[in-house]
Amino acid sequence: MSRTTTTMTVRLSGTLSDFVAENVGEDGAYENVSEYIRDLIRRDKDRKEQESVERLRAELSHAFAAPESSYRPLTAADVIARNRG
């Protein structure tokens, strides 16, 4: 897996800038803005992954709760056609 480093510029003003400043430095939880932004991105990524897991869990729960008579055999071609649908 190739890893690249990207430098980005983000402009913040007003309350957003003040909020970031409160969380960085001696009184904040982060040493610098980059560390803070990386943590926010990681948390957002984790949240989205957790949402995907929860959706899958709900779908599986629904499927396992269905009566066995509602199941029908499917071929791989059936599944592919259904997903293209």
PDB file of N, CA and C in Angstrom:
ATOM      1  N   MET A   1       0.834  -1.166   0.000  1.00  0.00           N
ATOM      2  CA  MET A   1       0.000   0.000   0.000  1.00  0.00           C
ATOM      3  C   MET A   1       0.886   1.240   0.000  1.00  0.00           C
ATOM      4  N   SER A   2       0.666   2.088  -0.963  1.00  0.00           N
ATOM      5  CA  SER A   2       1.463   3.293  -1.102  1.00  0.00           C
ATOM      6  C   SER A   2       0.906   4.395  -0.201  1.00  0.00           C
ATOM      7  N   ARG A   3       1.782   5.023   0.518  1.00  0.00           N
ATOM      8  CA  ARG A   3       1.364   6.129   1.384  1.00  0.00           C
ATOM      9  C   ARG A   3       1.985   7.412   0.860  1.00  0.00           C
ATOM     10  N   THR A   4       1.149   8.408   0.725  1.00  0.00           N
ATOM     11  CA  THR A   4       1.643   9.707   0.298  1.00  0.00           C
ATOM     12  C   THR A   4       1.314  10.725   1.374  1.00  0.00           C
ATOM     13  N   THR A   5       2.075  11.798   1.366  1.00  0.00           N
ATOM     14  CA  THR A   5       1.814  12.903   2.270  1.00  0.00           C
ATOM     15  C   THR A   5       1.293  14.056   1.441  1.00  0.00           C
ATOM     16  N   THR A   6       0.194  14.614   1.876  1.00  0.00           N
ATOM     17  CA  THR A   6      -0.406  15.731   1.176  1.00  0.00           C
ATOM     18  C   THR A   6      -0.434  16.925   2.107  1.00  0.00           C
ATOM     19  N   THR A   7      -0.007  18.050   1.608  1.00  0.00           N
ATOM     20  CA  THR A   7      -0.081  19.288   2.366  1.00  0.00           C
ATOM     21  C   THR A   7      -1.328  20.022   1.911  1.00  0.00           C
ATOM     22  N   MET A   8      -2.130  20.433   2.861  1.00  0.00           N
ATOM     23  CA  MET A   8      -3.371  21.140   2.555  1.00  0.00           C
ATOM     24  C   MET A   8      -3.402  22.455   3.308  1.00  0.00           C
ATOM     25  N   THR A   9      -4.059  23.417   2.718  1.00  0.00           N
ATOM     26  CA  THR A   9      -4.255  24.699   3.376  1.00  0.00           C
ATOM     27  C   THR A   9      -5.736  24.849   3.665  1.00  0.00           C
ATOM     28  N   VAL A  10      -6.049  25.158   4.896  1.00  0.00           N
ATOM     29  CA  VAL A  10      -7.438  25.352   5.304  1.00  0.00           C
ATOM     30  C   VAL A  10      -7.548  26.729   5.934  1.00  0.00           C
ATOM     31  N   ARG A  11      -8.522  27.478   5.501  1.00  0.00           N
ATOM     32  CA  ARG A  11      -8.740  28.804   6.084  1.00  0.00           C
ATOM     33  C   ARG A  11      -9.916  28.743   7.038  1.00  0.00           C
ATOM     34  N   LEU A  12      -9.674  29.198   8.230  1.00  0.00           N
ATOM     35  CA  LEU A  12     -10.720  29.268   9.244  1.00  0.00           C
ATOM     36  C   LEU A  12     -10.785  30.687   9.764  1.00  0.00           C
ATOM     37  N   SER A  13     -11.970  31.126  10.061  1.00  0.00           N
ATOM     38  CA  SER A  13     -12.094  32.459  10.640  1.00  0.00           C
ATOM     39  C   SER A  13     -13.136  32.432  11.746  1.00  0.00           C
ATOM     40  N   GLY A  14     -13.161  33.480  12.505  1.00  0.00           N
ATOM     41  CA  GLY A  14     -14.172  33.646  13.539  1.00  0.00           C
ATOM     42  C   GLY A  14     -14.180  32.532  14.556  1.00  0.00           C
ATOM     43  N   THR A  15     -15.380  32.034  14.824  1.00  0.00           N
ATOM     44  CA  THR A  15     -15.557  31.060  15.896  1.00  0.00           C
ATOM     45  C   THR A  15     -14.836  29.745  15.623  1.00  0.00           C
ATOM     46  N   LEU A  16     -14.725  29.348  14.346  1.00  0.00           N
ATOM     47  CA  LEU A  16     -13.994  28.109  14.050  1.00  0.00           C
ATOM     48  C   LEU A  16     -12.522  28.251  14.393  1.00  0.00           C
ATOM     49  N   SER A  17     -11.946  29.370  14.015  1.00  0.00           N
ATOM     50  CA  SER A  17     -10.536  29.617  14.320  1.00  0.00           C
ATOM     51  C   SER A  17     -10.317  29.671  15.832  1.00  0.00           C
ATOM     52  N   ASP A  18     -11.212  30.347  16.529  1.00  0.00           N
ATOM     53  CA  ASP A  18     -11.105  30.446  17.987  1.00  0.00           C
ATOM     54  C   ASP A  18     -11.219  29.066  18.639  1.00  0.00           C
ATOM     55  N   PHE A  19     -12.132  28.257  18.128  1.00  0.00           N
ATOM     56  CA  PHE A  19     -12.337  26.922  18.684  1.00  0.00           C
ATOM     57  C   PHE A  19     -11.082  26.069  18.510  1.00  0.00           C
ATOM     58  N   VAL A  20     -10.484  26.121  17.336  1.00  0.00           N
ATOM     59  CA  VAL A  20      -9.253  25.361  17.098  1.00  0.00           C
ATOM     60  C   VAL A  20      -8.155  25.854  18.034  1.00  0.00           C
ATOM     61  N   ALA A  21      -8.014  27.163  18.167  1.00  0.00           N
ATOM     62  CA  ALA A  21      -6.984  27.735  19.037  1.00  0.00           C
ATOM     63  C   ALA A  21      -7.160  27.274  20.486  1.00  0.00           C
ATOM     64  N   GLU A  22      -8.408  27.106  20.928  1.00  0.00           N
ATOM     65  CA  GLU A  22      -8.670  26.654  22.294  1.00  0.00           C
ATOM     66  C   GLU A  22      -8.224  25.208  22.516  1.00  0.00           C
ATOM     67  N   ASN A  23      -8.165  24.437  21.443  1.00  0.00           N
ATOM     68  CA  ASN A  23      -7.834  23.018  21.548  1.00  0.00           C
ATOM     69  C   ASN A  23      -6.375  22.703  21.240  1.00  0.00           C
ATOM     70  N   VAL A  24      -5.603  23.709  20.923  1.00  0.00           N
ATOM     71  CA  VAL A  24      -4.201  23.517  20.534  1.00  0.00           C
ATOM     72  C   VAL A  24      -3.311  24.355  21.450  1.00  0.00           C
ATOM     73  N   GLY A  25      -2.141  23.822  21.743  1.00  0.00           N
ATOM     74  CA  GLY A  25      -1.176  24.577  22.538  1.00  0.00           C
ATOM     75  C   GLY A  25      -1.154  24.135  23.982  1.00  0.00           C
ATOM     76  N   GLU A  26      -0.607  24.977  24.819  1.00  0.00           N
ATOM     77  CA  GLU A  26      -0.419  24.641  26.234  1.00  0.00           C
ATOM     78  C   GLU A  26      -1.717  24.273  26.946  1.00  0.00           C
ATOM     79  N   ASP A  27      -2.787  24.976  26.652  1.00  0.00           N
ATOM     80  CA  ASP A  27      -4.048  24.729  27.351  1.00  0.00           C
ATOM     81  C   ASP A  27      -4.941  23.716  26.628  1.00  0.00           C
ATOM     82  N   GLY A  28      -4.573  23.338  25.412  1.00  0.00           N
ATOM     83  CA  GLY A  28      -5.410  22.436  24.633  1.00  0.00           C
ATOM     84  C   GLY A  28      -4.957  20.993  24.716  1.00  0.00           C
ATOM     85  N   ALA A  29      -5.730  20.138  24.086  1.00  0.00           N
ATOM     86  CA  ALA A  29      -5.440  18.702  24.096  1.00  0.00           C
ATOM     87  C   ALA A  29      -4.433  18.302  23.026  1.00  0.00           C
ATOM     88  N   TYR A  30      -4.142  19.200  22.097  1.00  0.00           N
ATOM     89  CA  TYR A  30      -3.251  18.889  20.977  1.00  0.00           C
ATOM     90  C   TYR A  30      -2.072  19.849  20.953  1.00  0.00           C
ATOM     91  N   GLU A  31      -0.920  19.330  20.509  1.00  0.00           N
ATOM     92  CA  GLU A  31       0.287  20.163  20.452  1.00  0.00           C
ATOM     93  C   GLU A  31       0.248  21.157  19.302  1.00  0.00           C
ATOM     94  N   ASN A  32      -0.378  20.729  18.179  1.00  0.00           N
ATOM     95  CA  ASN A  32      -0.439  21.619  17.029  1.00  0.00           C
ATOM     96  C   ASN A  32      -1.700  21.356  16.217  1.00  0.00           C
ATOM     97  N   VAL A  33      -1.972  22.255  15.285  1.00  0.00           N
ATOM     98  CA  VAL A  33      -3.197  22.171  14.481  1.00  0.00           C
ATOM     99  C   VAL A  33      -3.204  20.902  13.633  1.00  0.00           C
ATOM    100  N   SER A  34      -2.073  20.519  13.075  1.00  0.00           N
ATOM    101  CA  SER A  34      -2.011  19.315  12.240  1.00  0.00           C
ATOM    102  C   SER A  34      -2.431  18.076  13.021  1.00  0.00           C
ATOM    103  N   GLU A  35      -1.946  17.972  14.247  1.00  0.00           N
ATOM    104  CA  GLU A  35      -2.308  16.833  15.096  1.00  0.00           C
ATOM    105  C   GLU A  35      -3.817  16.820  15.344  1.00  0.00           C
ATOM    106  N   TYR A  36      -4.382  17.990  15.595  1.00  0.00           N
ATOM    107  CA  TYR A  36      -5.813  18.119  15.843  1.00  0.00           C
ATOM    108  C   TYR A  36      -6.623  17.705  14.611  1.00  0.00           C
ATOM    109  N   ILE A  37      -6.243  18.188  13.452  1.00  0.00           N
ATOM    110  CA  ILE A  37      -6.950  17.873  12.209  1.00  0.00           C
ATOM    111  C   ILE A  37      -6.849  16.386  11.893  1.00  0.00           C
ATOM    112  N   ARG A  38      -5.663  15.803  12.050  1.00  0.00           N
ATOM    113  CA  ARG A  38      -5.513  14.369  11.806  1.00  0.00           C
ATOM    114  C   ARG A  38      -6.425  13.555  12.723  1.00  0.00           C
ATOM    115  N   ASP A  39      -6.528  13.963  13.995  1.00  0.00           N
ATOM    116  CA  ASP A  39      -7.399  13.256  14.927  1.00  0.00           C
ATOM    117  C   ASP A  39      -8.867  13.390  14.513  1.00  0.00           C
ATOM    118  N   LEU A  40      -9.270  14.569  14.086  1.00  0.00           N
ATOM    119  CA  LEU A  40     -10.652  14.771  13.633  1.00  0.00           C
ATOM    120  C   LEU A  40     -10.962  13.887  12.422  1.00  0.00           C
ATOM    121  N   ILE A  41     -10.025  13.816  11.495  1.00  0.00           N
ATOM    122  CA  ILE A  41     -10.224  12.995  10.298  1.00  0.00           C
ATOM    123  C   ILE A  41     -10.300  11.518  10.677  1.00  0.00           C
ATOM    124  N   ARG A  42      -9.409  11.066  11.553  1.00  0.00           N
ATOM    125  CA  ARG A  42      -9.449   9.670  11.996  1.00  0.00           C
ATOM    126  C   ARG A  42     -10.779   9.342  12.670  1.00  0.00           C
ATOM    127  N   ARG A  43     -11.252  10.241  13.518  1.00  0.00           N
ATOM    128  CA  ARG A  43     -12.528  10.017  14.197  1.00  0.00           C
ATOM    129  C   ARG A  43     -13.679   9.950  13.197  1.00  0.00           C
ATOM    130  N   ASP A  44     -13.663  10.831  12.209  1.00  0.00           N
ATOM    131  CA  ASP A  44     -14.711  10.829  11.193  1.00  0.00           C
ATOM    132  C   ASP A  44     -14.665   9.532  10.387  1.00  0.00           C
ATOM    133  N   LYS A  45     -13.457   9.093  10.045  1.00  0.00           N
ATOM    134  CA  LYS A  45     -13.288   7.830   9.312  1.00  0.00           C
ATOM    135  C   LYS A  45     -13.817   6.666  10.150  1.00  0.00           C
ATOM    136  N   ASP A  46     -13.460   6.626  11.419  1.00  0.00           N
ATOM    137  CA  ASP A  46     -13.941   5.569  12.315  1.00  0.00           C
ATOM    138  C   ASP A  46     -15.464   5.598  12.438  1.00  0.00           C
ATOM    139  N   ARG A  47     -16.042   6.799  12.524  1.00  0.00           N
ATOM    140  CA  ARG A  47     -17.496   6.937  12.637  1.00  0.00           C
ATOM    141  C   ARG A  47     -18.182   6.378  11.398  1.00  0.00           C
ATOM    142  N   LYS A  48     -17.653   6.695  10.223  1.00  0.00           N
ATOM    143  CA  LYS A  48     -18.251   6.194   8.982  1.00  0.00           C
ATOM    144  C   LYS A  48     -18.127   4.678   8.884  1.00  0.00           C
ATOM    145  N   GLU A  49     -16.990   4.143   9.290  1.00  0.00           N
ATOM    146  CA  GLU A  49     -16.817   2.688   9.286  1.00  0.00           C
ATOM    147  C   GLU A  49     -17.792   2.035  10.256  1.00  0.00           C
ATOM    148  N   GLN A  50     -17.989   2.636  11.420  1.00  0.00           N
ATOM    149  CA  GLN A  50     -18.926   2.092  12.411  1.00  0.00           C
ATOM    150  C   GLN A  50     -20.351   2.146  11.882  1.00  0.00           C
ATOM    151  N   GLU A  51     -20.708   3.220  11.170  1.00  0.00           N
ATOM    152  CA  GLU A  51     -22.037   3.312  10.566  1.00  0.00           C
ATOM    153  C   GLU A  51     -22.248   2.188   9.554  1.00  0.00           C
ATOM    154  N   SER A  52     -21.212   1.883   8.774  1.00  0.00           N
ATOM    155  CA  SER A  52     -21.308   0.788   7.802  1.00  0.00           C
ATOM    156  C   SER A  52     -21.513  -0.546   8.502  1.00  0.00           C
ATOM    157  N   VAL A  53     -20.795  -0.762   9.587  1.00  0.00           N
ATOM    158  CA  VAL A  53     -20.932  -2.003  10.356  1.00  0.00           C
ATOM    159  C   VAL A  53     -22.350  -2.092  10.930  1.00  0.00           C
ATOM    160  N   GLU A  54     -22.865  -0.990  11.438  1.00  0.00           N
ATOM    161  CA  GLU A  54     -24.211  -0.997  12.019  1.00  0.00           C
ATOM    162  C   GLU A  54     -25.269  -1.265  10.952  1.00  0.00           C
ATOM    163  N   ARG A  55     -25.096  -0.689   9.744  1.00  0.00           N
ATOM    164  CA  ARG A  55     -26.043  -0.970   8.655  1.00  0.00           C
ATOM    165  C   ARG A  55     -26.013  -2.443   8.291  1.00  0.00           C
ATOM    166  N   LEU A  56     -24.815  -3.005   8.179  1.00  0.00           N
ATOM    167  CA  LEU A  56     -24.685  -4.423   7.860  1.00  0.00           C
ATOM    168  C   LEU A  56     -25.307  -5.275   8.960  1.00  0.00           C
ATOM    169  N   ARG A  57     -25.045  -4.933  10.199  1.00  0.00           N
ATOM    170  CA  ARG A  57     -25.609  -5.671  11.327  1.00  0.00           C
ATOM    171  C   ARG A  57     -27.140  -5.639  11.278  1.00  0.00           C
ATOM    172  N   ALA A  58     -27.720  -4.476  10.968  1.00  0.00           N
ATOM    173  CA  ALA A  58     -29.176  -4.355  10.886  1.00  0.00           C
ATOM    174  C   ALA A  58     -29.730  -5.201   9.742  1.00  0.00           C
ATOM    175  N   GLU A  59     -29.047  -5.180   8.598  1.00  0.00           N
ATOM    176  CA  GLU A  59     -29.494  -5.990   7.461  1.00  0.00           C
ATOM    177  C   GLU A  59     -29.429  -7.481   7.788  1.00  0.00           C
ATOM    178  N   LEU A  60     -28.340  -7.895   8.411  1.00  0.00           N
ATOM    179  CA  LEU A  60     -28.209  -9.308   8.778  1.00  0.00           C
ATOM    180  C   LEU A  60     -29.252  -9.714   9.813  1.00  0.00           C
ATOM    181  N   SER A  61     -29.491  -8.847  10.766  1.00  0.00           N
ATOM    182  CA  SER A  61     -30.484  -9.123  11.793  1.00  0.00           C
ATOM    183  C   SER A  61     -31.864  -9.293  11.148  1.00  0.00           C
ATOM    184  N   HIS A  62     -32.182  -8.409  10.221  1.00  0.00           N
ATOM    185  CA  HIS A  62     -33.452  -8.487   9.501  1.00  0.00           C
ATOM    186  C   HIS A  62     -33.531  -9.787   8.699  1.00  0.00           C
ATOM    187  N   ALA A  63     -32.449 -10.147   8.032  1.00  0.00           N
ATOM    188  CA  ALA A  63     -32.430 -11.364   7.215  1.00  0.00           C
ATOM    189  C   ALA A  63     -32.588 -12.611   8.076  1.00  0.00           C
ATOM    190  N   PHE A  64     -31.902 -12.662   9.212  1.00  0.00           N
ATOM    191  CA  PHE A  64     -31.990 -13.837  10.075  1.00  0.00           C
ATOM    192  C   PHE A  64     -33.350 -13.941  10.765  1.00  0.00           C
ATOM    193  N   ALA A  65     -34.057 -12.824  10.882  1.00  0.00           N
ATOM    194  CA  ALA A  65     -35.371 -12.841  11.518  1.00  0.00           C
ATOM    195  C   ALA A  65     -36.470 -13.285  10.553  1.00  0.00           C
ATOM    196  N   ALA A  66     -36.170 -13.286   9.261  1.00  0.00           N
ATOM    197  CA  ALA A  66     -37.176 -13.672   8.261  1.00  0.00           C
ATOM    198  C   ALA A  66     -37.446 -15.176   8.357  1.00  0.00           C
ATOM    199  N   PRO A  67     -38.688 -15.561   8.077  1.00  0.00           N
ATOM    200  CA  PRO A  67     -39.000 -16.990   8.111  1.00  0.00           C
ATOM    201  C   PRO A  67     -38.235 -17.739   7.013  1.00  0.00           C
ATOM    202  N   GLU A  68     -37.868 -18.958   7.323  1.00  0.00           N
ATOM    203  CA  GLU A  68     -37.081 -19.752   6.375  1.00  0.00           C
ATOM    204  C   GLU A  68     -37.795 -19.914   5.036  1.00  0.00           C
ATOM    205  N   SER A  69     -39.109 -19.906   5.053  1.00  0.00           N
ATOM    206  CA  SER A  69     -39.876 -20.066   3.810  1.00  0.00           C
ATOM    207  C   SER A  69     -39.675 -18.890   2.847  1.00  0.00           C
ATOM    208  N   SER A  70     -39.190 -17.767   3.351  1.00  0.00           N
ATOM    209  CA  SER A  70     -38.984 -16.606   2.476  1.00  0.00           C
ATOM    210  C   SER A  70     -37.644 -16.658   1.739  1.00  0.00           C
ATOM    211  N   TYR A  71     -36.791 -17.606   2.123  1.00  0.00           N
ATOM    212  CA  TYR A  71     -35.503 -17.744   1.455  1.00  0.00           C
ATOM    213  C   TYR A  71     -35.681 -18.475   0.132  1.00  0.00           C
ATOM    214  N   ARG A  72     -34.857 -18.104  -0.844  1.00  0.00           N
ATOM    215  CA  ARG A  72     -34.847 -18.826  -2.110  1.00  0.00           C
ATOM    216  C   ARG A  72     -33.406 -18.947  -2.578  1.00  0.00           C
ATOM    217  N   PRO A  73     -33.085 -20.028  -3.279  1.00  0.00           N
ATOM    218  CA  PRO A  73     -31.702 -20.199  -3.732  1.00  0.00           C
ATOM    219  C   PRO A  73     -31.336 -19.146  -4.772  1.00  0.00           C
ATOM    220  N   LEU A  74     -30.112 -18.666  -4.695  1.00  0.00           N
ATOM    221  CA  LEU A  74     -29.598 -17.681  -5.650  1.00  0.00           C
ATOM    222  C   LEU A  74     -28.264 -18.144  -6.195  1.00  0.00           C
ATOM    223  N   THR A  75     -28.058 -17.883  -7.461  1.00  0.00           N
ATOM    224  CA  THR A  75     -26.744 -18.138  -8.053  1.00  0.00           C
ATOM    225  C   THR A  75     -25.932 -16.854  -7.937  1.00  0.00           C
ATOM    226  N   ALA A  76     -24.659 -16.946  -8.199  1.00  0.00           N
ATOM    227  CA  ALA A  76     -23.813 -15.752  -8.201  1.00  0.00           C
ATOM    228  C   ALA A  76     -24.328 -14.757  -9.234  1.00  0.00           C
ATOM    229  N   ALA A  77     -24.769 -15.241 -10.382  1.00  0.00           N
ATOM    230  CA  ALA A  77     -25.302 -14.363 -11.433  1.00  0.00           C
ATOM    231  C   ALA A  77     -26.552 -13.624 -10.942  1.00  0.00           C
ATOM    232  N   ASP A  78     -27.405 -14.301 -10.149  1.00  0.00           N
ATOM    233  CA  ASP A  78     -28.595 -13.652  -9.585  1.00  0.00           C
ATOM    234  C   ASP A  78     -28.192 -12.492  -8.678  1.00  0.00           C
ATOM    235  N   VAL A  79     -27.219 -12.723  -7.846  1.00  0.00           N
ATOM    236  CA  VAL A  79     -26.771 -11.692  -6.899  1.00  0.00           C
ATOM    237  C   VAL A  79     -26.173 -10.516  -7.654  1.00  0.00           C
ATOM    238  N   ILE A  80     -25.349 -10.790  -8.655  1.00  0.00           N
ATOM    239  CA  ILE A  80     -24.729  -9.714  -9.436  1.00  0.00           C
ATOM    240  C   ILE A  80     -25.803  -8.910 -10.146  1.00  0.00           C
ATOM    241  N   ALA A  81     -26.771  -9.576 -10.753  1.00  0.00           N
ATOM    242  CA  ALA A  81     -27.854  -8.871 -11.459  1.00  0.00           C
ATOM    243  C   ALA A  81     -28.671  -8.026 -10.484  1.00  0.00           C
ATOM    244  N   ARG A  82     -28.956  -8.568  -9.303  1.00  0.00           N
ATOM    245  CA  ARG A  82     -29.711  -7.822  -8.298  1.00  0.00           C
ATOM    246  C   ARG A  82     -28.972  -6.566  -7.856  1.00  0.00           C
ATOM    247  N   ASN A  83     -27.670  -6.689  -7.673  1.00  0.00           N
ATOM    248  CA  ASN A  83     -26.868  -5.554  -7.210  1.00  0.00           C
ATOM    249  C   ASN A  83     -26.663  -4.496  -8.284  1.00  0.00           C
ATOM    250  N   ARG A  84     -26.755  -4.873  -9.529  1.00  0.00           N
ATOM    251  CA  ARG A  84     -26.643  -3.890 -10.615  1.00  0.00           C
ATOM    252  C   ARG A  84     -27.937  -3.091 -10.747  1.00  0.00           C
ATOM    253  N   GLY A  85     -29.034  -3.719 -10.326  1.00  0.00           N
ATOM    254  CA  GLY A  85     -30.377  -3.266 -10.443  1.00  0.00           C
ATOM    255  C   GLY A  85     -30.721  -1.878 -10.346  1.00  0.00           C
TER     256      GLY A  85
END
